């Protein structure tokens, strides 16, 4: 599963002004610079993945784009479950002093 591979192998910075589109672009750029280009990148249809900035990076490297159909949350159930568990078993119940 590529998303788990990216998150576990890349260094990323979390700050209080977290911007999802910016974060996705930075993760994409770092992954493409660090690893061999994949044949295809699959995502959902979130605005961070359909933006021209995001898609231009992918198509500029001759990588095919695949997007899940609307309402297909079960297509990526493993990663969705991971983040749900992380939130409910750690983030929501832990009082962090800083980010």
N, C-alpha and C. Protein backbone atom coordinates (compact mmCIF):
# COMPACT_ATOMS: atom_id res chain seq x y z
N UNK A 1 0.85 -1.17 0.00
CA UNK A 1 0.00 0.00 0.00
C UNK A 1 0.90 1.23 0.00
N UNK A 2 0.82 2.01 -1.06
CA UNK A 2 1.73 3.13 -1.26
C UNK A 2 1.58 4.22 -0.23
N UNK A 3 0.35 4.52 0.20
CA UNK A 3 0.18 5.63 1.15
C UNK A 3 0.84 5.32 2.48
N UNK A 4 0.77 4.10 2.94
CA UNK A 4 1.45 3.74 4.18
C UNK A 4 2.96 3.80 3.97
N UNK A 5 3.43 3.35 2.82
CA UNK A 5 4.85 3.40 2.51
C UNK A 5 5.34 4.84 2.52
N UNK A 6 4.61 5.74 1.88
CA UNK A 6 5.02 7.14 1.85
C UNK A 6 5.07 7.71 3.25
N UNK A 7 4.02 7.52 4.04
CA UNK A 7 3.99 8.12 5.37
C UNK A 7 5.02 7.51 6.30
N UNK A 8 5.34 6.26 6.13
CA UNK A 8 6.30 5.66 7.05
C UNK A 8 7.74 5.95 6.65
N UNK A 9 8.00 6.24 5.38
CA UNK A 9 9.36 6.44 4.92
C UNK A 9 9.77 7.89 4.72
N UNK A 10 8.83 8.80 4.66
CA UNK A 10 9.17 10.19 4.44
C UNK A 10 9.19 10.96 5.75
N UNK A 11 10.12 11.89 5.84
CA UNK A 11 10.11 12.81 6.97
C UNK A 11 9.10 13.89 6.64
N UNK A 12 8.22 14.20 7.57
CA UNK A 12 7.29 15.28 7.31
C UNK A 12 7.16 16.15 8.55
N UNK A 13 6.79 17.37 8.30
CA UNK A 13 6.71 18.35 9.37
C UNK A 13 5.25 18.65 9.63
N UNK A 14 4.87 18.62 10.89
CA UNK A 14 3.52 18.95 11.29
C UNK A 14 3.56 20.28 12.00
N UNK A 15 2.73 21.20 11.57
CA UNK A 15 2.68 22.47 12.27
C UNK A 15 1.23 22.88 12.48
N UNK A 16 1.04 23.93 13.23
CA UNK A 16 -0.31 24.34 13.58
C UNK A 16 -1.05 24.98 12.41
N UNK A 17 -0.35 25.36 11.38
CA UNK A 17 -0.98 25.94 10.19
C UNK A 17 -0.97 24.92 9.06
N UNK A 18 -1.39 23.74 9.36
CA UNK A 18 -1.38 22.61 8.44
C UNK A 18 -2.28 22.88 7.25
N UNK A 19 -1.71 22.82 6.07
CA UNK A 19 -2.46 23.03 4.83
C UNK A 19 -2.47 21.72 4.06
N UNK A 20 -3.63 21.10 3.94
CA UNK A 20 -3.73 19.79 3.29
C UNK A 20 -3.25 19.85 1.84
N UNK A 21 -3.70 20.80 1.00
CA UNK A 21 -3.21 20.82 -0.38
C UNK A 21 -1.68 20.97 -0.45
N UNK A 22 -1.13 21.86 0.36
CA UNK A 22 0.32 22.05 0.37
C UNK A 22 1.04 20.78 0.83
N UNK A 23 0.53 20.17 1.89
CA UNK A 23 1.13 18.94 2.41
C UNK A 23 1.13 17.84 1.34
N UNK A 24 -0.01 17.69 0.64
CA UNK A 24 -0.10 16.65 -0.39
C UNK A 24 0.88 16.90 -1.53
N UNK A 25 1.04 18.15 -1.93
CA UNK A 25 2.01 18.49 -2.97
C UNK A 25 3.43 18.18 -2.53
N UNK A 26 3.76 18.53 -1.30
CA UNK A 26 5.11 18.29 -0.80
C UNK A 26 5.41 16.80 -0.67
N UNK A 27 4.45 16.02 -0.19
CA UNK A 27 4.64 14.57 -0.07
C UNK A 27 4.80 13.96 -1.46
N UNK A 28 3.97 14.40 -2.41
CA UNK A 28 4.09 13.89 -3.78
C UNK A 28 5.46 14.20 -4.36
N UNK A 29 5.90 15.44 -4.25
CA UNK A 29 7.21 15.83 -4.80
C UNK A 29 8.34 15.03 -4.16
N UNK A 30 8.30 14.90 -2.83
CA UNK A 30 9.37 14.17 -2.15
C UNK A 30 9.37 12.70 -2.54
N UNK A 31 8.19 12.11 -2.63
CA UNK A 31 8.11 10.69 -3.00
C UNK A 31 8.63 10.47 -4.42
N UNK A 32 8.26 11.36 -5.34
CA UNK A 32 8.70 11.20 -6.73
C UNK A 32 10.19 11.47 -6.88
N UNK A 33 10.74 12.32 -6.04
CA UNK A 33 12.18 12.56 -6.09
C UNK A 33 12.97 11.44 -5.44
N UNK A 34 12.38 10.79 -4.46
CA UNK A 34 13.09 9.75 -3.72
C UNK A 34 12.96 8.37 -4.36
N UNK A 35 11.81 8.10 -4.99
CA UNK A 35 11.56 6.77 -5.53
C UNK A 35 11.36 6.82 -7.04
N UNK A 36 11.48 5.67 -7.67
CA UNK A 36 11.23 5.54 -9.10
C UNK A 36 9.77 5.90 -9.40
N UNK A 37 9.54 6.54 -10.55
CA UNK A 37 8.17 6.89 -10.93
C UNK A 37 7.30 5.65 -11.03
N UNK A 38 6.12 5.68 -10.43
CA UNK A 38 5.19 4.56 -10.59
C UNK A 38 4.51 4.67 -11.96
N UNK A 39 3.88 3.61 -12.39
CA UNK A 39 3.13 3.66 -13.65
C UNK A 39 1.84 4.44 -13.47
N UNK A 40 1.26 4.35 -12.25
CA UNK A 40 -0.04 4.94 -12.00
C UNK A 40 -0.13 5.42 -10.56
N UNK A 41 -0.85 6.51 -10.33
CA UNK A 41 -1.12 7.00 -8.98
C UNK A 41 -2.63 7.02 -8.82
N UNK A 42 -3.11 6.39 -7.74
CA UNK A 42 -4.54 6.33 -7.45
C UNK A 42 -4.85 7.19 -6.25
N UNK A 43 -5.95 7.92 -6.32
CA UNK A 43 -6.39 8.74 -5.19
C UNK A 43 -7.91 8.84 -5.24
N UNK A 44 -8.46 9.52 -4.24
CA UNK A 44 -9.88 9.84 -4.32
C UNK A 44 -10.02 11.15 -5.09
N UNK A 45 -11.22 11.71 -5.13
CA UNK A 45 -11.45 12.91 -5.92
C UNK A 45 -11.43 14.18 -5.08
N UNK A 46 -10.70 14.15 -3.98
CA UNK A 46 -10.57 15.34 -3.15
C UNK A 46 -9.92 16.48 -3.92
N UNK A 47 -10.25 17.70 -3.54
CA UNK A 47 -9.74 18.87 -4.28
C UNK A 47 -8.22 18.95 -4.26
N UNK A 48 -7.58 18.42 -3.22
CA UNK A 48 -6.12 18.45 -3.18
C UNK A 48 -5.51 17.55 -4.25
N UNK A 49 -6.25 16.51 -4.68
CA UNK A 49 -5.74 15.59 -5.70
C UNK A 49 -6.19 15.95 -7.11
N UNK A 50 -7.24 16.74 -7.24
CA UNK A 50 -7.73 17.12 -8.56
C UNK A 50 -7.23 18.50 -8.99
N UNK A 51 -6.49 19.17 -8.12
CA UNK A 51 -5.97 20.50 -8.47
C UNK A 51 -5.00 20.38 -9.63
N UNK A 52 -4.91 21.45 -10.41
CA UNK A 52 -3.99 21.44 -11.55
C UNK A 52 -2.55 21.33 -11.08
N UNK A 53 -2.22 21.89 -9.92
CA UNK A 53 -0.85 21.77 -9.40
C UNK A 53 -0.48 20.31 -9.19
N UNK A 54 -1.38 19.56 -8.56
CA UNK A 54 -1.12 18.15 -8.25
C UNK A 54 -1.07 17.31 -9.53
N UNK A 55 -2.09 17.47 -10.37
CA UNK A 55 -2.16 16.64 -11.58
C UNK A 55 -1.06 16.98 -12.59
N UNK A 56 -0.64 18.26 -12.65
CA UNK A 56 0.43 18.63 -13.58
C UNK A 56 1.76 17.98 -13.21
N UNK A 57 2.01 17.84 -11.92
CA UNK A 57 3.24 17.16 -11.49
C UNK A 57 3.22 15.71 -11.97
N UNK A 58 2.08 15.07 -11.80
CA UNK A 58 1.96 13.66 -12.18
C UNK A 58 2.06 13.47 -13.69
N UNK A 59 1.26 14.23 -14.44
CA UNK A 59 1.27 14.07 -15.90
C UNK A 59 2.58 14.54 -16.50
N UNK A 60 3.25 15.49 -15.84
CA UNK A 60 4.55 15.96 -16.32
C UNK A 60 5.62 14.88 -16.26
N UNK A 61 5.38 13.84 -15.50
CA UNK A 61 6.32 12.71 -15.40
C UNK A 61 5.78 11.48 -16.13
N UNK A 62 4.76 11.69 -16.95
CA UNK A 62 4.14 10.61 -17.73
C UNK A 62 3.60 9.48 -16.86
N UNK A 63 3.03 9.85 -15.73
CA UNK A 63 2.40 8.89 -14.83
C UNK A 63 0.90 8.97 -15.06
N UNK A 64 0.25 7.82 -15.13
CA UNK A 64 -1.20 7.78 -15.31
C UNK A 64 -1.90 8.11 -14.00
N UNK A 65 -3.06 8.76 -14.11
CA UNK A 65 -3.84 9.14 -12.94
C UNK A 65 -5.10 8.28 -12.89
N UNK A 66 -5.37 7.70 -11.72
CA UNK A 66 -6.59 6.94 -11.50
C UNK A 66 -7.26 7.51 -10.26
N UNK A 67 -8.55 7.78 -10.38
CA UNK A 67 -9.29 8.31 -9.24
C UNK A 67 -10.49 7.44 -8.95
N UNK A 68 -10.71 7.20 -7.66
CA UNK A 68 -11.87 6.43 -7.23
C UNK A 68 -13.14 7.19 -7.57
N UNK A 69 -14.20 6.46 -7.81
CA UNK A 69 -15.49 7.08 -8.08
C UNK A 69 -16.01 7.74 -6.81
N UNK A 70 -16.86 8.74 -6.98
CA UNK A 70 -17.46 9.39 -5.82
C UNK A 70 -18.25 8.36 -5.02
N UNK A 71 -18.13 8.49 -3.70
CA UNK A 71 -18.87 7.59 -2.82
C UNK A 71 -18.22 6.23 -2.65
N UNK A 72 -16.96 6.08 -3.03
CA UNK A 72 -16.28 4.79 -2.94
C UNK A 72 -15.30 4.77 -1.79
N UNK A 73 -15.76 5.16 -0.62
CA UNK A 73 -14.88 5.20 0.56
C UNK A 73 -14.29 3.83 0.88
N UNK A 74 -14.96 2.77 0.49
CA UNK A 74 -14.46 1.43 0.79
C UNK A 74 -13.27 1.04 -0.07
N UNK A 75 -12.99 1.80 -1.13
CA UNK A 75 -11.83 1.49 -1.97
C UNK A 75 -10.52 1.61 -1.19
N UNK A 76 -10.47 2.50 -0.23
CA UNK A 76 -9.25 2.66 0.56
C UNK A 76 -9.53 2.44 2.04
N UNK A 77 -10.30 1.43 2.32
CA UNK A 77 -10.75 1.15 3.68
C UNK A 77 -9.60 0.92 4.65
N UNK A 78 -8.51 0.32 4.21
CA UNK A 78 -7.40 0.03 5.13
C UNK A 78 -6.79 1.32 5.68
N UNK A 79 -6.52 2.29 4.84
CA UNK A 79 -5.91 3.53 5.32
C UNK A 79 -6.93 4.37 6.08
N UNK A 80 -8.20 4.33 5.65
CA UNK A 80 -9.25 5.05 6.38
C UNK A 80 -9.38 4.50 7.80
N UNK A 81 -9.32 3.20 7.93
CA UNK A 81 -9.42 2.56 9.25
C UNK A 81 -8.20 2.90 10.12
N UNK A 82 -7.03 2.91 9.50
CA UNK A 82 -5.81 3.27 10.22
C UNK A 82 -5.94 4.66 10.84
N UNK A 83 -6.34 5.65 10.03
CA UNK A 83 -6.45 7.01 10.55
C UNK A 83 -7.59 7.17 11.55
N UNK A 84 -8.67 6.42 11.39
CA UNK A 84 -9.75 6.45 12.37
C UNK A 84 -9.24 5.92 13.71
N UNK A 85 -8.54 4.81 13.68
CA UNK A 85 -7.99 4.22 14.89
C UNK A 85 -6.99 5.17 15.54
N UNK A 86 -6.13 5.77 14.75
CA UNK A 86 -5.16 6.72 15.28
C UNK A 86 -5.86 7.87 16.00
N UNK A 87 -6.89 8.42 15.39
CA UNK A 87 -7.61 9.54 16.01
C UNK A 87 -8.30 9.11 17.30
N UNK A 88 -9.06 8.01 17.28
CA UNK A 88 -9.85 7.62 18.44
C UNK A 88 -9.02 7.02 19.57
N UNK A 89 -7.91 6.36 19.25
CA UNK A 89 -7.12 5.72 20.28
C UNK A 89 -5.93 6.54 20.75
N UNK A 90 -5.68 7.67 20.10
CA UNK A 90 -4.55 8.48 20.51
C UNK A 90 -4.87 9.97 20.50
N UNK A 91 -5.15 10.52 19.37
CA UNK A 91 -5.27 11.97 19.24
C UNK A 91 -6.39 12.54 20.09
N UNK A 92 -7.58 11.94 20.03
CA UNK A 92 -8.72 12.49 20.77
C UNK A 92 -8.61 12.33 22.28
N UNK A 93 -7.85 11.36 22.74
CA UNK A 93 -7.78 11.11 24.19
C UNK A 93 -6.49 11.59 24.84
N UNK A 94 -5.58 12.13 24.06
CA UNK A 94 -4.31 12.60 24.59
C UNK A 94 -4.29 14.12 24.60
N UNK A 95 -3.88 14.68 25.72
CA UNK A 95 -3.77 16.13 25.81
C UNK A 95 -2.31 16.50 25.55
N UNK A 96 -2.03 16.94 24.34
CA UNK A 96 -0.67 17.33 23.97
C UNK A 96 -0.40 18.77 24.41
N UNK A 97 0.78 19.03 24.89
CA UNK A 97 1.13 20.39 25.30
C UNK A 97 1.46 21.28 24.09
N UNK A 98 1.99 20.70 23.05
CA UNK A 98 2.25 21.44 21.82
C UNK A 98 2.21 20.48 20.65
N UNK A 99 2.27 21.06 19.47
CA UNK A 99 2.17 20.23 18.26
C UNK A 99 3.53 19.90 17.76
